[in-house]
Amino acid sequence: MGDLIVIRCKEAFSPSEINLGTMKAGRLLLQEVSESLCRELQPDLDKLLCEITGLRLVDICVGFFLERRERIYLFTMSDTVKCQSEQFARSS
């Protein structure tokens, strides 16, 4: 999707997190912790994604769907990400 990488993590919540998410304050806490972890891990993710794509990580956004027990990560990259099939086709 252009400069965006989307990662969908299924079954990403423990039963206690699901229980915490039944309250508004709990959902806010889950979001705050997720965002804090993203900020903390951003340098390592930037290095890893740069090795894979050759691009720099600009921003991370995380969302979650407690009903489906999914976390969605959006990584905004410094330029358009080429899919592997495109890169493979060019190198063949």
PDB file of N, CA and C in Angstrom:
ATOM      1  N   MET A   1       0.846  -1.197   0.000  1.00  0.00           N
ATOM      2  CA  MET A   1       0.000   0.000   0.000  1.00  0.00           C
ATOM      3  C   MET A   1       0.881   1.247   0.000  1.00  0.00           C
ATOM      4  N   GLY A   2       1.592   1.461  -1.029  1.00  0.00           N
ATOM      5  CA  GLY A   2       2.433   2.641  -1.105  1.00  0.00           C
ATOM      6  C   GLY A   2       3.529   2.615  -0.064  1.00  0.00           C
ATOM      7  N   ASP A   3       3.511   3.606   0.805  1.00  0.00           N
ATOM      8  CA  ASP A   3       4.543   3.693   1.844  1.00  0.00           C
ATOM      9  C   ASP A   3       4.087   3.067   3.158  1.00  0.00           C
ATOM     10  N   LEU A   4       3.044   2.238   3.128  1.00  0.00           N
ATOM     11  CA  LEU A   4       2.456   1.673   4.339  1.00  0.00           C
ATOM     12  C   LEU A   4       2.598   0.150   4.374  1.00  0.00           C
ATOM     13  N   ILE A   5       3.060  -0.346   5.518  1.00  0.00           N
ATOM     14  CA  ILE A   5       3.111  -1.785   5.766  1.00  0.00           C
ATOM     15  C   ILE A   5       2.089  -2.072   6.859  1.00  0.00           C
ATOM     16  N   VAL A   6       1.217  -3.037   6.621  1.00  0.00           N
ATOM     17  CA  VAL A   6       0.179  -3.410   7.586  1.00  0.00           C
ATOM     18  C   VAL A   6       0.470  -4.811   8.101  1.00  0.00           C
ATOM     19  N   ILE A   7       0.468  -4.953   9.421  1.00  0.00           N
ATOM     20  CA  ILE A   7       0.639  -6.265  10.041  1.00  0.00           C
ATOM     21  C   ILE A   7      -0.573  -6.526  10.921  1.00  0.00           C
ATOM     22  N   ARG A   8      -1.217  -7.656  10.681  1.00  0.00           N
ATOM     23  CA  ARG A   8      -2.412  -8.051  11.438  1.00  0.00           C
ATOM     24  C   ARG A   8      -2.044  -9.260  12.298  1.00  0.00           C
ATOM     25  N   CYS A   9      -2.152  -9.107  13.609  1.00  0.00           N
ATOM     26  CA  CYS A   9      -1.805 -10.178  14.551  1.00  0.00           C
ATOM     27  C   CYS A   9      -3.078 -10.749  15.151  1.00  0.00           C
ATOM     28  N   LYS A  10      -3.374 -12.002  14.794  1.00  0.00           N
ATOM     29  CA  LYS A  10      -4.559 -12.676  15.325  1.00  0.00           C
ATOM     30  C   LYS A  10      -4.225 -13.303  16.676  1.00  0.00           C
ATOM     31  N   GLU A  11      -5.256 -13.478  17.494  1.00  0.00           N
ATOM     32  CA  GLU A  11      -5.098 -14.080  18.832  1.00  0.00           C
ATOM     33  C   GLU A  11      -3.997 -13.369  19.618  1.00  0.00           C
ATOM     34  N   ALA A  12      -3.990 -12.033  19.555  1.00  0.00           N
ATOM     35  CA  ALA A  12      -2.912 -11.241  20.142  1.00  0.00           C
ATOM     36  C   ALA A  12      -3.217 -10.747  21.553  1.00  0.00           C
ATOM     37  N   PHE A  13      -4.331 -11.167  22.122  1.00  0.00           N
ATOM     38  CA  PHE A  13      -4.695 -10.725  23.464  1.00  0.00           C
ATOM     39  C   PHE A  13      -4.868 -11.913  24.394  1.00  0.00           C
ATOM     40  N   SER A  14      -4.391 -11.747  25.604  1.00  0.00           N
ATOM     41  CA  SER A  14      -4.593 -12.771  26.626  1.00  0.00           C
ATOM     42  C   SER A  14      -6.010 -12.621  27.188  1.00  0.00           C
ATOM     43  N   PRO A  15      -6.515 -13.645  27.862  1.00  0.00           N
ATOM     44  CA  PRO A  15      -7.844 -13.524  28.485  1.00  0.00           C
ATOM     45  C   PRO A  15      -7.936 -12.353  29.468  1.00  0.00           C
ATOM     46  N   SER A  16      -6.852 -12.084  30.196  1.00  0.00           N
ATOM     47  CA  SER A  16      -6.894 -10.960  31.145  1.00  0.00           C
ATOM     48  C   SER A  16      -6.963  -9.614  30.420  1.00  0.00           C
ATOM     49  N   GLU A  17      -6.306  -9.506  29.260  1.00  0.00           N
ATOM     50  CA  GLU A  17      -6.408  -8.267  28.480  1.00  0.00           C
ATOM     51  C   GLU A  17      -7.819  -8.097  27.932  1.00  0.00           C
ATOM     52  N   ILE A  18      -8.427  -9.188  27.494  1.00  0.00           N
ATOM     53  CA  ILE A  18      -9.807  -9.132  27.009  1.00  0.00           C
ATOM     54  C   ILE A  18     -10.721  -8.669  28.132  1.00  0.00           C
ATOM     55  N   ASN A  19     -10.524  -9.211  29.311  1.00  0.00           N
ATOM     56  CA  ASN A  19     -11.320  -8.817  30.475  1.00  0.00           C
ATOM     57  C   ASN A  19     -11.101  -7.334  30.802  1.00  0.00           C
ATOM     58  N   LEU A  20      -9.855  -6.886  30.775  1.00  0.00           N
ATOM     59  CA  LEU A  20      -9.540  -5.482  31.035  1.00  0.00           C
ATOM     60  C   LEU A  20     -10.213  -4.579  30.000  1.00  0.00           C
ATOM     61  N   GLY A  21     -10.281  -5.054  28.761  1.00  0.00           N
ATOM     62  CA  GLY A  21     -10.865  -4.271  27.685  1.00  0.00           C
ATOM     63  C   GLY A  21     -12.371  -4.106  27.762  1.00  0.00           C
ATOM     64  N   THR A  22     -13.022  -4.779  28.694  1.00  0.00           N
ATOM     65  CA  THR A  22     -14.478  -4.610  28.830  1.00  0.00           C
ATOM     66  C   THR A  22     -14.832  -3.275  29.464  1.00  0.00           C
ATOM     67  N   MET A  23     -13.835  -2.611  30.065  1.00  0.00           N
ATOM     68  CA  MET A  23     -14.061  -1.298  30.687  1.00  0.00           C
ATOM     69  C   MET A  23     -13.379  -0.225  29.845  1.00  0.00           C
ATOM     70  N   LYS A  24     -13.985   0.950  29.776  1.00  0.00           N
ATOM     71  CA  LYS A  24     -13.400   2.033  28.978  1.00  0.00           C
ATOM     72  C   LYS A  24     -11.996   2.369  29.455  1.00  0.00           C
ATOM     73  N   ALA A  25     -11.804   2.466  30.762  1.00  0.00           N
ATOM     74  CA  ALA A  25     -10.479   2.781  31.308  1.00  0.00           C
ATOM     75  C   ALA A  25      -9.480   1.679  30.941  1.00  0.00           C
ATOM     76  N   GLY A  26      -9.938   0.441  30.906  1.00  0.00           N
ATOM     77  CA  GLY A  26      -9.083  -0.673  30.524  1.00  0.00           C
ATOM     78  C   GLY A  26      -8.665  -0.596  29.069  1.00  0.00           C
ATOM     79  N   ARG A  27      -9.599  -0.241  28.184  1.00  0.00           N
ATOM     80  CA  ARG A  27      -9.271  -0.090  26.760  1.00  0.00           C
ATOM     81  C   ARG A  27      -8.257   1.037  26.563  1.00  0.00           C
ATOM     82  N   LEU A  28      -8.449   2.130  27.293  1.00  0.00           N
ATOM     83  CA  LEU A  28      -7.501   3.246  27.200  1.00  0.00           C
ATOM     84  C   LEU A  28      -6.118   2.832  27.681  1.00  0.00           C
ATOM     85  N   LEU A  29      -6.077   2.049  28.758  1.00  0.00           N
ATOM     86  CA  LEU A  29      -4.799   1.560  29.272  1.00  0.00           C
ATOM     87  C   LEU A  29      -4.126   0.635  28.265  1.00  0.00           C
ATOM     88  N   LEU A  30      -4.884  -0.274  27.653  1.00  0.00           N
ATOM     89  CA  LEU A  30      -4.326  -1.159  26.633  1.00  0.00           C
ATOM     90  C   LEU A  30      -3.749  -0.360  25.462  1.00  0.00           C
ATOM     91  N   GLN A  31      -4.467   0.664  25.039  1.00  0.00           N
ATOM     92  CA  GLN A  31      -3.989   1.507  23.933  1.00  0.00           C
ATOM     93  C   GLN A  31      -2.710   2.245  24.334  1.00  0.00           C
ATOM     94  N   GLU A  32      -2.704   2.791  25.539  1.00  0.00           N
ATOM     95  CA  GLU A  32      -1.536   3.531  26.019  1.00  0.00           C
ATOM     96  C   GLU A  32      -0.304   2.621  26.095  1.00  0.00           C
ATOM     97  N   VAL A  33      -0.469   1.422  26.614  1.00  0.00           N
ATOM     98  CA  VAL A  33       0.641   0.481  26.710  1.00  0.00           C
ATOM     99  C   VAL A  33       1.124   0.078  25.315  1.00  0.00           C
ATOM    100  N   SER A  34       0.209  -0.173  24.399  1.00  0.00           N
ATOM    101  CA  SER A  34       0.575  -0.535  23.027  1.00  0.00           C
ATOM    102  C   SER A  34       1.382   0.574  22.367  1.00  0.00           C
ATOM    103  N   GLU A  35       0.933   1.812  22.511  1.00  0.00           N
ATOM    104  CA  GLU A  35       1.637   2.943  21.918  1.00  0.00           C
ATOM    105  C   GLU A  35       3.009   3.138  22.556  1.00  0.00           C
ATOM    106  N   SER A  36       3.093   2.945  23.866  1.00  0.00           N
ATOM    107  CA  SER A  36       4.367   3.066  24.573  1.00  0.00           C
ATOM    108  C   SER A  36       5.364   2.012  24.089  1.00  0.00           C
ATOM    109  N   LEU A  37       4.889   0.782  23.919  1.00  0.00           N
ATOM    110  CA  LEU A  37       5.760  -0.282  23.413  1.00  0.00           C
ATOM    111  C   LEU A  37       6.248   0.022  21.998  1.00  0.00           C
ATOM    112  N   CYS A  38       5.370   0.558  21.174  1.00  0.00           N
ATOM    113  CA  CYS A  38       5.766   0.925  19.808  1.00  0.00           C
ATOM    114  C   CYS A  38       6.864   1.973  19.821  1.00  0.00           C
ATOM    115  N   ARG A  39       6.717   2.987  20.675  1.00  0.00           N
ATOM    116  CA  ARG A  39       7.746   4.031  20.771  1.00  0.00           C
ATOM    117  C   ARG A  39       9.067   3.439  21.249  1.00  0.00           C
ATOM    118  N   GLU A  40       8.992   2.541  22.226  1.00  0.00           N
ATOM    119  CA  GLU A  40      10.193   1.925  22.777  1.00  0.00           C
ATOM    120  C   GLU A  40      10.884   1.033  21.745  1.00  0.00           C
ATOM    121  N   LEU A  41      10.108   0.319  20.957  1.00  0.00           N
ATOM    122  CA  LEU A  41      10.663  -0.623  19.983  1.00  0.00           C
ATOM    123  C   LEU A  41      10.972   0.011  18.625  1.00  0.00           C
ATOM    124  N   GLN A  42      10.602   1.271  18.428  1.00  0.00           N
ATOM    125  CA  GLN A  42      10.757   1.896  17.113  1.00  0.00           C
ATOM    126  C   GLN A  42      12.189   1.835  16.578  1.00  0.00           C
ATOM    127  N   PRO A  43      13.231   2.094  17.375  1.00  0.00           N
ATOM    128  CA  PRO A  43      14.589   2.000  16.806  1.00  0.00           C
ATOM    129  C   PRO A  43      14.915   0.588  16.295  1.00  0.00           C
ATOM    130  N   ASP A  44      14.522  -0.443  17.043  1.00  0.00           N
ATOM    131  CA  ASP A  44      14.783  -1.815  16.607  1.00  0.00           C
ATOM    132  C   ASP A  44      13.955  -2.177  15.387  1.00  0.00           C
ATOM    133  N   LEU A  45      12.689  -1.754  15.369  1.00  0.00           N
ATOM    134  CA  LEU A  45      11.837  -2.013  14.207  1.00  0.00           C
ATOM    135  C   LEU A  45      12.354  -1.284  12.981  1.00  0.00           C
ATOM    136  N   ASP A  46      12.838  -0.058  13.170  1.00  0.00           N
ATOM    137  CA  ASP A  46      13.394   0.711  12.062  1.00  0.00           C
ATOM    138  C   ASP A  46      14.572  -0.034  11.445  1.00  0.00           C
ATOM    139  N   LYS A  47      15.453  -0.553  12.284  1.00  0.00           N
ATOM    140  CA  LYS A  47      16.618  -1.288  11.793  1.00  0.00           C
ATOM    141  C   LYS A  47      16.184  -2.536  11.031  1.00  0.00           C
ATOM    142  N   LEU A  48      15.259  -3.302  11.595  1.00  0.00           N
ATOM    143  CA  LEU A  48      14.787  -4.532  10.959  1.00  0.00           C
ATOM    144  C   LEU A  48      14.086  -4.250   9.626  1.00  0.00           C
ATOM    145  N   LEU A  49      13.174  -3.281   9.634  1.00  0.00           N
ATOM    146  CA  LEU A  49      12.444  -2.961   8.403  1.00  0.00           C
ATOM    147  C   LEU A  49      13.366  -2.373   7.337  1.00  0.00           C
ATOM    148  N   CYS A  50      14.388  -1.641   7.769  1.00  0.00           N
ATOM    149  CA  CYS A  50      15.355  -1.104   6.812  1.00  0.00           C
ATOM    150  C   CYS A  50      16.129  -2.240   6.142  1.00  0.00           C
ATOM    151  N   GLU A  51      16.489  -3.274   6.924  1.00  0.00           N
ATOM    152  CA  GLU A  51      17.175  -4.429   6.354  1.00  0.00           C
ATOM    153  C   GLU A  51      16.291  -5.139   5.328  1.00  0.00           C
ATOM    154  N   ILE A  52      14.992  -5.202   5.607  1.00  0.00           N
ATOM    155  CA  ILE A  52      14.059  -5.916   4.727  1.00  0.00           C
ATOM    156  C   ILE A  52      13.699  -5.089   3.492  1.00  0.00           C
ATOM    157  N   THR A  53      13.382  -3.803   3.708  1.00  0.00           N
ATOM    158  CA  THR A  53      12.848  -2.974   2.614  1.00  0.00           C
ATOM    159  C   THR A  53      13.844  -1.973   2.038  1.00  0.00           C
ATOM    160  N   GLY A  54      14.890  -1.660   2.793  1.00  0.00           N
ATOM    161  CA  GLY A  54      15.816  -0.612   2.370  1.00  0.00           C
ATOM    162  C   GLY A  54      15.298   0.781   2.667  1.00  0.00           C
ATOM    163  N   LEU A  55      14.175   0.866   3.375  1.00  0.00           N
ATOM    164  CA  LEU A  55      13.550   2.156   3.688  1.00  0.00           C
ATOM    165  C   LEU A  55      13.582   2.413   5.189  1.00  0.00           C
ATOM    166  N   ARG A  56      13.400   3.665   5.568  1.00  0.00           N
ATOM    167  CA  ARG A  56      13.376   4.055   6.977  1.00  0.00           C
ATOM    168  C   ARG A  56      11.940   4.067   7.482  1.00  0.00           C
ATOM    169  N   LEU A  57      11.786   3.713   8.741  1.00  0.00           N
ATOM    170  CA  LEU A  57      10.488   3.758   9.410  1.00  0.00           C
ATOM    171  C   LEU A  57      10.223   5.185   9.868  1.00  0.00           C
ATOM    172  N   VAL A  58       9.100   5.755   9.446  1.00  0.00           N
ATOM    173  CA  VAL A  58       8.740   7.127   9.792  1.00  0.00           C
ATOM    174  C   VAL A  58       7.843   7.160  11.028  1.00  0.00           C
ATOM    175  N   ASP A  59       6.857   6.259  11.074  1.00  0.00           N
ATOM    176  CA  ASP A  59       5.890   6.291  12.167  1.00  0.00           C
ATOM    177  C   ASP A  59       5.242   4.925  12.330  1.00  0.00           C
ATOM    178  N   ILE A  60       4.758   4.667  13.547  1.00  0.00           N
ATOM    179  CA  ILE A  60       4.031   3.437  13.850  1.00  0.00           C
ATOM    180  C   ILE A  60       2.690   3.820  14.457  1.00  0.00           C
ATOM    181  N   CYS A  61       1.663   3.134  14.039  1.00  0.00           N
ATOM    182  CA  CYS A  61       0.337   3.304  14.631  1.00  0.00           C
ATOM    183  C   CYS A  61      -0.184   1.911  14.963  1.00  0.00           C
ATOM    184  N   VAL A  62      -0.812   1.780  16.123  1.00  0.00           N
ATOM    185  CA  VAL A  62      -1.352   0.473  16.516  1.00  0.00           C
ATOM    186  C   VAL A  62      -2.823   0.633  16.869  1.00  0.00           C
ATOM    187  N   GLY A  63      -3.607  -0.318  16.449  1.00  0.00           N
ATOM    188  CA  GLY A  63      -5.025  -0.361  16.790  1.00  0.00           C
ATOM    189  C   GLY A  63      -5.359  -1.776  17.196  1.00  0.00           C
ATOM    190  N   PHE A  64      -6.482  -1.944  17.834  1.00  0.00           N
ATOM    191  CA  PHE A  64      -6.858  -3.295  18.222  1.00  0.00           C
ATOM    192  C   PHE A  64      -8.352  -3.482  18.183  1.00  0.00           C
ATOM    193  N   PHE A  65      -8.707  -4.751  17.993  1.00  0.00           N
ATOM    194  CA  PHE A  65     -10.102  -5.174  17.956  1.00  0.00           C
ATOM    195  C   PHE A  65     -10.246  -6.297  18.974  1.00  0.00           C
ATOM    196  N   LEU A  66     -10.732  -5.947  20.157  1.00  0.00           N
ATOM    197  CA  LEU A  66     -10.824  -6.924  21.238  1.00  0.00           C
ATOM    198  C   LEU A  66     -11.773  -8.064  20.899  1.00  0.00           C
ATOM    199  N   GLU A  67     -12.871  -7.756  20.202  1.00  0.00           N
ATOM    200  CA  GLU A  67     -13.844  -8.800  19.868  1.00  0.00           C
ATOM    201  C   GLU A  67     -13.208  -9.902  19.031  1.00  0.00           C
ATOM    202  N   ARG A  68     -12.288  -9.515  18.132  1.00  0.00           N
ATOM    203  CA  ARG A  68     -11.610 -10.481  17.259  1.00  0.00           C
ATOM    204  C   ARG A  68     -10.241 -10.883  17.801  1.00  0.00           C
ATOM    205  N   ARG A  69      -9.847 -10.294  18.933  1.00  0.00           N
ATOM    206  CA  ARG A  69      -8.555 -10.541  19.576  1.00  0.00           C
ATOM    207  C   ARG A  69      -7.395 -10.245  18.623  1.00  0.00           C
ATOM    208  N   GLU A  70      -7.503  -9.131  17.878  1.00  0.00           N
ATOM    209  CA  GLU A  70      -6.492  -8.770  16.890  1.00  0.00           C
ATOM    210  C   GLU A  70      -5.858  -7.421  17.214  1.00  0.00           C
ATOM    211  N   ARG A  71      -4.573  -7.335  16.905  1.00  0.00           N
ATOM    212  CA  ARG A  71      -3.856  -6.059  16.913  1.00  0.00           C
ATOM    213  C   ARG A  71      -3.468  -5.778  15.469  1.00  0.00           C
ATOM    214  N   ILE A  72      -3.568  -4.523  15.092  1.00  0.00           N
ATOM    215  CA  ILE A  72      -3.195  -4.091  13.747  1.00  0.00           C
ATOM    216  C   ILE A  72      -2.088  -3.054  13.893  1.00  0.00           C
ATOM    217  N   TYR A  73      -0.973  -3.296  13.224  1.00  0.00           N
ATOM    218  CA  TYR A  73       0.144  -2.345  13.240  1.00  0.00           C
ATOM    219  C   TYR A  73       0.273  -1.730  11.858  1.00  0.00           C
ATOM    220  N   LEU A  74       0.401  -0.420  11.829  1.00  0.00           N
ATOM    221  CA  LEU A  74       0.617   0.315  10.583  1.00  0.00           C
ATOM    222  C   LEU A  74       1.993   0.962  10.656  1.00  0.00           C
ATOM    223  N   PHE A  75       2.855   0.596   9.741  1.00  0.00           N
ATOM    224  CA  PHE A  75       4.195   1.161   9.686  1.00  0.00           C
ATOM    225  C   PHE A  75       4.264   2.084   8.473  1.00  0.00           C
ATOM    226  N   THR A  76       4.496   3.353   8.704  1.00  0.00           N
ATOM    227  CA  THR A  76       4.663   4.312   7.614  1.00  0.00           C
ATOM    228  C   THR A  76       6.149   4.387   7.299  1.00  0.00           C
ATOM    229  N   MET A  77       6.484   4.133   6.039  1.00  0.00           N
ATOM    230  CA  MET A  77       7.877   4.088   5.616  1.00  0.00           C
ATOM    231  C   MET A  77       8.251   5.365   4.871  1.00  0.00           C
ATOM    232  N   SER A  78       9.542   5.563   4.668  1.00  0.00           N
ATOM    233  CA  SER A  78      10.044   6.796   4.071  1.00  0.00           C
ATOM    234  C   SER A  78       9.775   6.920   2.571  1.00  0.00           C
ATOM    235  N   ASP A  79       9.408   5.837   1.922  1.00  0.00           N
ATOM    236  CA  ASP A  79       9.145   5.866   0.482  1.00  0.00           C
ATOM    237  C   ASP A  79       8.240   4.682   0.141  1.00  0.00           C
ATOM    238  N   THR A  80       7.901   4.548  -1.116  1.00  0.00           N
ATOM    239  CA  THR A  80       7.026   3.462  -1.553  1.00  0.00           C
ATOM    240  C   THR A  80       7.709   2.117  -1.352  1.00  0.00           C
ATOM    241  N   VAL A  81       6.994   1.204  -0.733  1.00  0.00           N
ATOM    242  CA  VAL A  81       7.498  -0.146  -0.495  1.00  0.00           C
ATOM    243  C   VAL A  81       7.170  -0.996  -1.719  1.00  0.00           C
ATOM    244  N   LYS A  82       8.169  -1.622  -2.256  1.00  0.00           N
ATOM    245  CA  LYS A  82       7.966  -2.517  -3.395  1.00  0.00           C
ATOM    246  C   LYS A  82       7.696  -3.907  -2.848  1.00  0.00           C
ATOM    247  N   CYS A  83       6.705  -4.589  -3.381  1.00  0.00           N
ATOM    248  CA  CYS A  83       6.416  -5.934  -2.889  1.00  0.00           C
ATOM    249  C   CYS A  83       7.468  -6.899  -3.428  1.00  0.00           C
ATOM    250  N   GLN A  84       7.685  -7.986  -2.713  1.00  0.00           N
ATOM    251  CA  GLN A  84       8.725  -8.940  -3.082  1.00  0.00           C
ATOM    252  C   GLN A  84       8.516  -9.511  -4.471  1.00  0.00           C
ATOM    253  N   SER A  85       7.282  -9.737  -4.871  1.00  0.00           N
ATOM    254  CA  SER A  85       7.047 -10.312  -6.195  1.00  0.00           C
ATOM    255  C   SER A  85       7.511  -9.352  -7.286  1.00  0.00           C
ATOM    256  N   GLU A  86       7.351  -8.030  -7.073  1.00  0.00           N
ATOM    257  CA  GLU A  86       7.838  -7.057  -8.035  1.00  0.00           C
ATOM    258  C   GLU A  86       9.353  -7.081  -8.095  1.00  0.00           C
ATOM    259  N   GLN A  87       9.992  -7.126  -6.914  1.00  0.00           N
ATOM    260  CA  GLN A  87      11.461  -7.143  -6.873  1.00  0.00           C
ATOM    261  C   GLN A  87      11.986  -8.427  -7.501  1.00  0.00           C
ATOM    262  N   PHE A  88      11.309  -9.547  -7.236  1.00  0.00           N
ATOM    263  CA  PHE A  88      11.744 -10.835  -7.776  1.00  0.00           C
ATOM    264  C   PHE A  88      11.620 -10.828  -9.300  1.00  0.00           C
ATOM    265  N   ALA A  89      10.515 -10.291  -9.803  1.00  0.00           N
ATOM    266  CA  ALA A  89      10.297 -10.258 -11.251  1.00  0.00           C
ATOM    267  C   ALA A  89      11.371  -9.422 -11.950  1.00  0.00           C
ATOM    268  N   ARG A  90      11.785  -8.325 -11.317  1.00  0.00           N
ATOM    269  CA  ARG A  90      12.804  -7.466 -11.928  1.00  0.00           C
ATOM    270  C   ARG A  90      14.173  -8.130 -11.924  1.00  0.00           C
ATOM    271  N   SER A  91      14.465  -8.911 -10.887  1.00  0.00           N
ATOM    272  CA  SER A  91      15.792  -9.536 -10.802  1.00  0.00           C
ATOM    273  C   SER A  91      15.898 -10.793 -11.664  1.00  0.00           C
ATOM    274  N   SER A  92      14.774 -11.306 -12.151  1.00  0.00           N
ATOM    275  CA  SER A  92      14.792 -12.547 -12.962  1.00  0.00           C
ATOM    276  C   SER A  92      15.090 -12.263 -14.409  1.00  0.00           C
TER     277      SER A  92
END
